[in-house]
Amino acid sequence: MNPALRARAIAEWRGLPEKYLRPDRWQAPVDVLPKLMQRLGLKERLHETEVMEAWAKIVGEFISAHSAPVALREGILYVRVLQPALHYELEQVSKIDILRKLKQRFGGKVIRDIRFRVG
């Protein structure tokens, strides 16, 4: 028997006023967390973490060993590169391909551009 229906029947039988039962408001964390992060303005930080974790898979082992994403701000991914020669290679040759892969995986709204910095 439904607990709410049982409580209602007992209260009616006893002649007591009806007790208001709140509906079950439980939600799974997977449903609540993205909404909460967006409300707090942290949704971009969530994407930043996902991009940093996927960087090695997207660019490959050699490039990931010599570069690291630093931040994702307003759709621009900032990447630190260790060597000037690799910076030139990434900026002039590989940027379009890497950007295409990132957009394909995360969407065009999350990542619009990549900026490489030596350091």
N, C-alpha and C. Protein backbone atom coordinates (compact mmCIF):
# COMPACT_ATOMS: atom_id res chain seq x y z
N MET A 1 0.84 -1.19 0.00
CA MET A 1 0.00 0.00 0.00
C MET A 1 0.88 1.24 0.00
N ASN A 2 0.43 2.25 -0.66
CA ASN A 2 1.14 3.52 -0.76
C ASN A 2 1.21 4.18 0.62
N PRO A 3 2.39 4.59 1.10
CA PRO A 3 2.51 5.19 2.45
C PRO A 3 1.67 6.46 2.61
N ALA A 4 1.58 7.26 1.57
CA ALA A 4 0.81 8.50 1.67
C ALA A 4 -0.68 8.18 1.79
N LEU A 5 -1.13 7.22 1.03
CA LEU A 5 -2.53 6.82 1.08
C LEU A 5 -2.87 6.21 2.44
N ARG A 6 -1.96 5.42 2.97
CA ARG A 6 -2.15 4.80 4.29
C ARG A 6 -2.26 5.87 5.38
N ALA A 7 -1.34 6.84 5.35
CA ALA A 7 -1.35 7.91 6.35
C ALA A 7 -2.63 8.72 6.24
N ARG A 8 -3.10 8.97 5.05
CA ARG A 8 -4.33 9.72 4.83
C ARG A 8 -5.54 8.95 5.40
N ALA A 9 -5.58 7.62 5.13
CA ALA A 9 -6.69 6.80 5.63
C ALA A 9 -6.71 6.76 7.15
N ILE A 10 -5.55 6.64 7.78
CA ILE A 10 -5.46 6.61 9.25
C ILE A 10 -5.88 7.94 9.84
N ALA A 11 -5.42 9.05 9.23
CA ALA A 11 -5.79 10.38 9.73
C ALA A 11 -7.29 10.60 9.60
N GLU A 12 -7.88 10.14 8.52
CA GLU A 12 -9.33 10.28 8.32
C GLU A 12 -10.08 9.43 9.34
N TRP A 13 -9.62 8.24 9.58
CA TRP A 13 -10.26 7.33 10.53
C TRP A 13 -10.22 7.89 11.95
N ARG A 14 -9.09 8.53 12.28
CA ARG A 14 -8.92 9.10 13.63
C ARG A 14 -9.65 10.43 13.77
N GLY A 15 -9.99 11.03 12.63
CA GLY A 15 -10.66 12.32 12.68
C GLY A 15 -9.69 13.47 12.85
N LEU A 16 -8.45 13.26 12.48
CA LEU A 16 -7.43 14.31 12.58
C LEU A 16 -7.37 15.10 11.28
N PRO A 17 -6.90 16.34 11.38
CA PRO A 17 -6.73 17.11 10.13
C PRO A 17 -5.64 16.46 9.26
N GLU A 18 -5.80 16.65 7.96
CA GLU A 18 -4.84 16.05 7.03
C GLU A 18 -3.47 16.69 7.18
N LYS A 19 -2.49 15.87 7.19
CA LYS A 19 -1.10 16.34 7.28
C LYS A 19 -0.58 16.47 5.86
N TYR A 20 -0.01 17.61 5.57
CA TYR A 20 0.51 17.83 4.22
C TYR A 20 1.79 17.02 4.03
N LEU A 21 1.81 16.18 3.02
CA LEU A 21 3.00 15.39 2.69
C LEU A 21 3.69 16.01 1.48
N ARG A 22 4.94 16.30 1.67
CA ARG A 22 5.70 16.87 0.56
C ARG A 22 6.02 15.79 -0.47
N PRO A 23 5.99 16.17 -1.74
CA PRO A 23 6.37 15.19 -2.76
C PRO A 23 7.87 14.90 -2.68
N ASP A 24 8.23 13.75 -3.17
CA ASP A 24 9.64 13.34 -3.17
C ASP A 24 10.41 14.24 -4.13
N ARG A 25 11.38 14.98 -3.62
CA ARG A 25 12.13 15.94 -4.43
C ARG A 25 13.55 15.46 -4.72
N TRP A 26 13.81 14.21 -4.49
CA TRP A 26 15.14 13.67 -4.72
C TRP A 26 15.46 13.66 -6.20
N GLN A 27 16.69 14.06 -6.56
CA GLN A 27 17.16 14.02 -7.94
C GLN A 27 18.57 13.43 -7.94
N ALA A 28 18.89 12.77 -9.03
CA ALA A 28 20.22 12.19 -9.16
C ALA A 28 21.26 13.31 -9.29
N PRO A 29 22.43 13.14 -8.69
CA PRO A 29 23.49 14.16 -8.79
C PRO A 29 23.88 14.47 -10.23
N VAL A 30 23.81 13.47 -11.10
CA VAL A 30 24.19 13.70 -12.50
C VAL A 30 23.23 14.68 -13.18
N ASP A 31 22.00 14.77 -12.69
CA ASP A 31 21.03 15.71 -13.24
C ASP A 31 21.16 17.10 -12.63
N VAL A 32 21.53 17.15 -11.36
CA VAL A 32 21.57 18.41 -10.63
C VAL A 32 22.88 19.17 -10.84
N LEU A 33 24.00 18.47 -10.90
CA LEU A 33 25.31 19.10 -10.93
C LEU A 33 25.52 20.06 -12.10
N PRO A 34 25.21 19.69 -13.36
CA PRO A 34 25.40 20.65 -14.45
C PRO A 34 24.57 21.93 -14.28
N LYS A 35 23.34 21.79 -13.79
CA LYS A 35 22.48 22.97 -13.58
C LYS A 35 23.06 23.86 -12.49
N LEU A 36 23.54 23.24 -11.42
CA LEU A 36 24.13 23.98 -10.32
C LEU A 36 25.39 24.71 -10.77
N MET A 37 26.24 24.02 -11.52
CA MET A 37 27.48 24.65 -11.98
C MET A 37 27.19 25.82 -12.92
N GLN A 38 26.17 25.69 -13.76
CA GLN A 38 25.80 26.79 -14.65
C GLN A 38 25.27 27.97 -13.85
N ARG A 39 24.46 27.69 -12.84
CA ARG A 39 23.91 28.75 -12.01
C ARG A 39 25.01 29.49 -11.25
N LEU A 40 26.05 28.77 -10.86
CA LEU A 40 27.17 29.38 -10.13
C LEU A 40 28.22 29.98 -11.06
N GLY A 41 28.02 29.80 -12.38
CA GLY A 41 28.98 30.34 -13.34
C GLY A 41 30.22 29.48 -13.51
N LEU A 42 30.11 28.20 -13.20
CA LEU A 42 31.26 27.30 -13.25
C LEU A 42 31.20 26.32 -14.40
N LYS A 43 30.23 26.46 -15.29
CA LYS A 43 30.08 25.51 -16.38
C LYS A 43 31.32 25.50 -17.28
N GLU A 44 31.91 26.68 -17.52
CA GLU A 44 33.11 26.75 -18.34
C GLU A 44 34.28 26.04 -17.68
N ARG A 45 34.33 26.08 -16.37
CA ARG A 45 35.40 25.38 -15.65
C ARG A 45 35.27 23.86 -15.81
N LEU A 46 34.04 23.38 -15.89
CA LEU A 46 33.81 21.96 -16.12
C LEU A 46 34.33 21.56 -17.49
N HIS A 47 34.05 22.40 -18.49
CA HIS A 47 34.55 22.13 -19.84
C HIS A 47 36.07 22.18 -19.87
N GLU A 48 36.64 23.13 -19.12
CA GLU A 48 38.10 23.27 -19.07
C GLU A 48 38.75 21.98 -18.57
N THR A 49 38.19 21.41 -17.55
CA THR A 49 38.72 20.16 -17.00
C THR A 49 38.62 19.03 -18.02
N GLU A 50 37.49 18.94 -18.70
CA GLU A 50 37.30 17.90 -19.71
C GLU A 50 38.30 18.05 -20.85
N VAL A 51 38.54 19.28 -21.29
CA VAL A 51 39.48 19.53 -22.39
C VAL A 51 40.90 19.16 -21.96
N MET A 52 41.27 19.53 -20.75
CA MET A 52 42.62 19.21 -20.27
C MET A 52 42.84 17.71 -20.18
N GLU A 53 41.81 16.98 -19.78
CA GLU A 53 41.94 15.53 -19.68
C GLU A 53 42.02 14.88 -21.06
N ALA A 54 41.38 15.47 -22.06
CA ALA A 54 41.34 14.88 -23.40
C ALA A 54 42.48 15.37 -24.30
N TRP A 55 43.27 16.31 -23.84
CA TRP A 55 44.32 16.91 -24.66
C TRP A 55 45.28 15.87 -25.25
N ALA A 56 45.77 14.95 -24.44
CA ALA A 56 46.73 13.94 -24.90
C ALA A 56 46.14 13.05 -25.99
N LYS A 57 44.88 12.70 -25.86
CA LYS A 57 44.25 11.85 -26.86
C LYS A 57 44.04 12.59 -28.18
N ILE A 58 43.78 13.87 -28.10
CA ILE A 58 43.49 14.65 -29.31
C ILE A 58 44.75 14.99 -30.08
N VAL A 59 45.80 15.41 -29.41
CA VAL A 59 47.00 15.88 -30.12
C VAL A 59 48.07 14.81 -30.30
N GLY A 60 48.01 13.76 -29.54
CA GLY A 60 49.02 12.71 -29.65
C GLY A 60 50.04 12.78 -28.53
N GLU A 61 50.81 11.72 -28.42
CA GLU A 61 51.75 11.56 -27.30
C GLU A 61 52.89 12.58 -27.32
N PHE A 62 53.52 12.80 -28.50
CA PHE A 62 54.68 13.70 -28.57
C PHE A 62 54.29 15.14 -28.23
N ILE A 63 53.23 15.62 -28.85
CA ILE A 63 52.82 17.01 -28.62
C ILE A 63 52.34 17.19 -27.18
N SER A 64 51.61 16.22 -26.66
CA SER A 64 51.13 16.35 -25.28
C SER A 64 52.27 16.32 -24.27
N ALA A 65 53.38 15.65 -24.62
CA ALA A 65 54.53 15.63 -23.72
C ALA A 65 55.25 16.97 -23.67
N HIS A 66 55.08 17.80 -24.72
CA HIS A 66 55.78 19.08 -24.81
C HIS A 66 54.84 20.28 -24.75
N SER A 67 53.58 20.04 -24.43
CA SER A 67 52.62 21.13 -24.31
C SER A 67 51.55 20.76 -23.31
N ALA A 68 50.85 21.77 -22.82
CA ALA A 68 49.78 21.51 -21.87
C ALA A 68 48.76 22.64 -21.94
N PRO A 69 47.48 22.31 -21.97
CA PRO A 69 46.46 23.36 -21.91
C PRO A 69 46.48 24.00 -20.52
N VAL A 70 46.42 25.31 -20.52
CA VAL A 70 46.51 26.04 -19.26
C VAL A 70 45.14 26.53 -18.80
N ALA A 71 44.35 27.07 -19.74
CA ALA A 71 43.06 27.64 -19.36
C ALA A 71 42.11 27.66 -20.55
N LEU A 72 40.84 27.73 -20.25
CA LEU A 72 39.80 27.89 -21.26
C LEU A 72 38.96 29.07 -20.81
N ARG A 73 39.09 30.18 -21.52
CA ARG A 73 38.37 31.40 -21.15
C ARG A 73 37.61 31.93 -22.36
N GLU A 74 36.30 32.06 -22.20
CA GLU A 74 35.42 32.62 -23.23
C GLU A 74 35.60 31.94 -24.58
N GLY A 75 35.77 30.63 -24.57
CA GLY A 75 35.87 29.87 -25.81
C GLY A 75 37.27 29.80 -26.40
N ILE A 76 38.26 30.39 -25.74
CA ILE A 76 39.64 30.36 -26.23
C ILE A 76 40.46 29.46 -25.32
N LEU A 77 41.07 28.45 -25.91
CA LEU A 77 41.92 27.51 -25.18
C LEU A 77 43.36 28.02 -25.24
N TYR A 78 43.96 28.26 -24.08
CA TYR A 78 45.34 28.71 -23.98
C TYR A 78 46.21 27.50 -23.69
N VAL A 79 47.24 27.32 -24.52
CA VAL A 79 48.11 26.15 -24.41
C VAL A 79 49.55 26.61 -24.23
N ARG A 80 50.22 26.07 -23.23
CA ARG A 80 51.64 26.37 -22.98
C ARG A 80 52.48 25.36 -23.75
N VAL A 81 53.44 25.87 -24.51
CA VAL A 81 54.32 25.04 -25.33
C VAL A 81 55.75 25.24 -24.83
N LEU A 82 56.52 24.16 -24.74
CA LEU A 82 57.86 24.24 -24.15
C LEU A 82 58.92 24.79 -25.10
N GLN A 83 58.78 24.54 -26.41
CA GLN A 83 59.84 24.91 -27.34
C GLN A 83 59.32 25.83 -28.44
N PRO A 84 60.11 26.83 -28.84
CA PRO A 84 59.69 27.73 -29.92
C PRO A 84 59.43 27.01 -31.25
N ALA A 85 60.22 25.99 -31.54
CA ALA A 85 60.03 25.26 -32.80
C ALA A 85 58.67 24.55 -32.80
N LEU A 86 58.30 23.98 -31.68
CA LEU A 86 57.00 23.33 -31.58
C LEU A 86 55.88 24.36 -31.63
N HIS A 87 56.12 25.51 -31.05
CA HIS A 87 55.14 26.60 -31.11
C HIS A 87 54.86 26.98 -32.56
N TYR A 88 55.90 27.12 -33.33
CA TYR A 88 55.74 27.45 -34.75
C TYR A 88 54.97 26.35 -35.48
N GLU A 89 55.34 25.11 -35.23
CA GLU A 89 54.67 23.97 -35.86
C GLU A 89 53.17 23.95 -35.53
N LEU A 90 52.86 24.15 -34.26
CA LEU A 90 51.46 24.11 -33.85
C LEU A 90 50.69 25.30 -34.40
N GLU A 91 51.28 26.47 -34.34
CA GLU A 91 50.60 27.69 -34.78
C GLU A 91 50.37 27.72 -36.28
N GLN A 92 51.37 27.33 -37.04
CA GLN A 92 51.31 27.46 -38.50
C GLN A 92 50.75 26.23 -39.21
N VAL A 93 50.98 25.05 -38.69
CA VAL A 93 50.64 23.83 -39.41
C VAL A 93 49.46 23.07 -38.77
N SER A 94 49.56 22.80 -37.51
CA SER A 94 48.62 21.87 -36.87
C SER A 94 47.41 22.52 -36.21
N LYS A 95 47.39 23.82 -36.10
CA LYS A 95 46.33 24.51 -35.36
C LYS A 95 44.94 24.20 -35.92
N ILE A 96 44.77 24.24 -37.21
CA ILE A 96 43.46 24.02 -37.82
C ILE A 96 42.97 22.60 -37.55
N ASP A 97 43.87 21.63 -37.66
CA ASP A 97 43.49 20.24 -37.43
C ASP A 97 43.13 19.99 -35.96
N ILE A 98 43.92 20.53 -35.04
CA ILE A 98 43.65 20.38 -33.61
C ILE A 98 42.33 21.05 -33.25
N LEU A 99 42.12 22.26 -33.78
CA LEU A 99 40.89 22.99 -33.50
C LEU A 99 39.67 22.23 -34.03
N ARG A 100 39.80 21.63 -35.19
CA ARG A 100 38.70 20.84 -35.78
C ARG A 100 38.36 19.65 -34.87
N LYS A 101 39.40 18.96 -34.39
CA LYS A 101 39.18 17.81 -33.51
C LYS A 101 38.53 18.23 -32.19
N LEU A 102 38.97 19.36 -31.63
CA LEU A 102 38.40 19.85 -30.38
C LEU A 102 36.94 20.24 -30.56
N LYS A 103 36.64 20.93 -31.65
CA LYS A 103 35.26 21.33 -31.93
C LYS A 103 34.38 20.11 -32.16
N GLN A 104 34.94 19.12 -32.82
CA GLN A 104 34.19 17.90 -33.08
C GLN A 104 33.85 17.18 -31.77
N ARG A 105 34.77 17.20 -30.84
CA ARG A 105 34.56 16.50 -29.57
C ARG A 105 33.73 17.30 -28.57
N PHE A 106 33.98 18.63 -28.48
CA PHE A 106 33.34 19.44 -27.44
C PHE A 106 32.32 20.44 -27.97
N GLY A 107 32.27 20.64 -29.26
CA GLY A 107 31.31 21.59 -29.82
C GLY A 107 31.94 22.95 -30.08
N GLY A 108 31.38 23.65 -31.03
CA GLY A 108 31.90 24.95 -31.42
C GLY A 108 31.68 26.05 -30.40
N LYS A 109 30.69 25.89 -29.52
CA LYS A 109 30.44 26.91 -28.51
C LYS A 109 31.44 26.84 -27.37
N VAL A 110 31.96 25.65 -27.11
CA VAL A 110 32.90 25.48 -26.00
C VAL A 110 34.28 26.01 -26.39
N ILE A 111 34.76 25.64 -27.59
CA ILE A 111 36.08 26.06 -28.04
C ILE A 111 35.96 26.72 -29.40
N ARG A 112 36.32 28.00 -29.45
CA ARG A 112 36.28 28.76 -30.70
C ARG A 112 37.66 28.95 -31.30
N ASP A 113 38.69 28.99 -30.45
CA ASP A 113 40.05 29.27 -30.94
C ASP A 113 41.06 28.69 -29.97
N ILE A 114 42.30 28.56 -30.47
CA ILE A 114 43.42 28.10 -29.65
C ILE A 114 44.52 29.14 -29.72
N ARG A 115 45.12 29.44 -28.59
CA ARG A 115 46.27 30.36 -28.53
C ARG A 115 47.42 29.60 -27.88
N PHE A 116 48.54 29.55 -28.61
CA PHE A 116 49.74 28.86 -28.11
C PHE A 116 50.70 29.89 -27.56
N ARG A 117 51.33 29.57 -26.42
CA ARG A 117 52.32 30.46 -25.80
C ARG A 117 53.54 29.63 -25.41
N VAL A 118 54.71 30.20 -25.68
CA VAL A 118 55.95 29.53 -25.29
C VAL A 118 56.22 29.85 -23.84
N GLY A 119 56.59 28.83 -23.08
CA GLY A 119 56.93 29.13 -21.70
C GLY A 119 56.84 27.98 -20.80
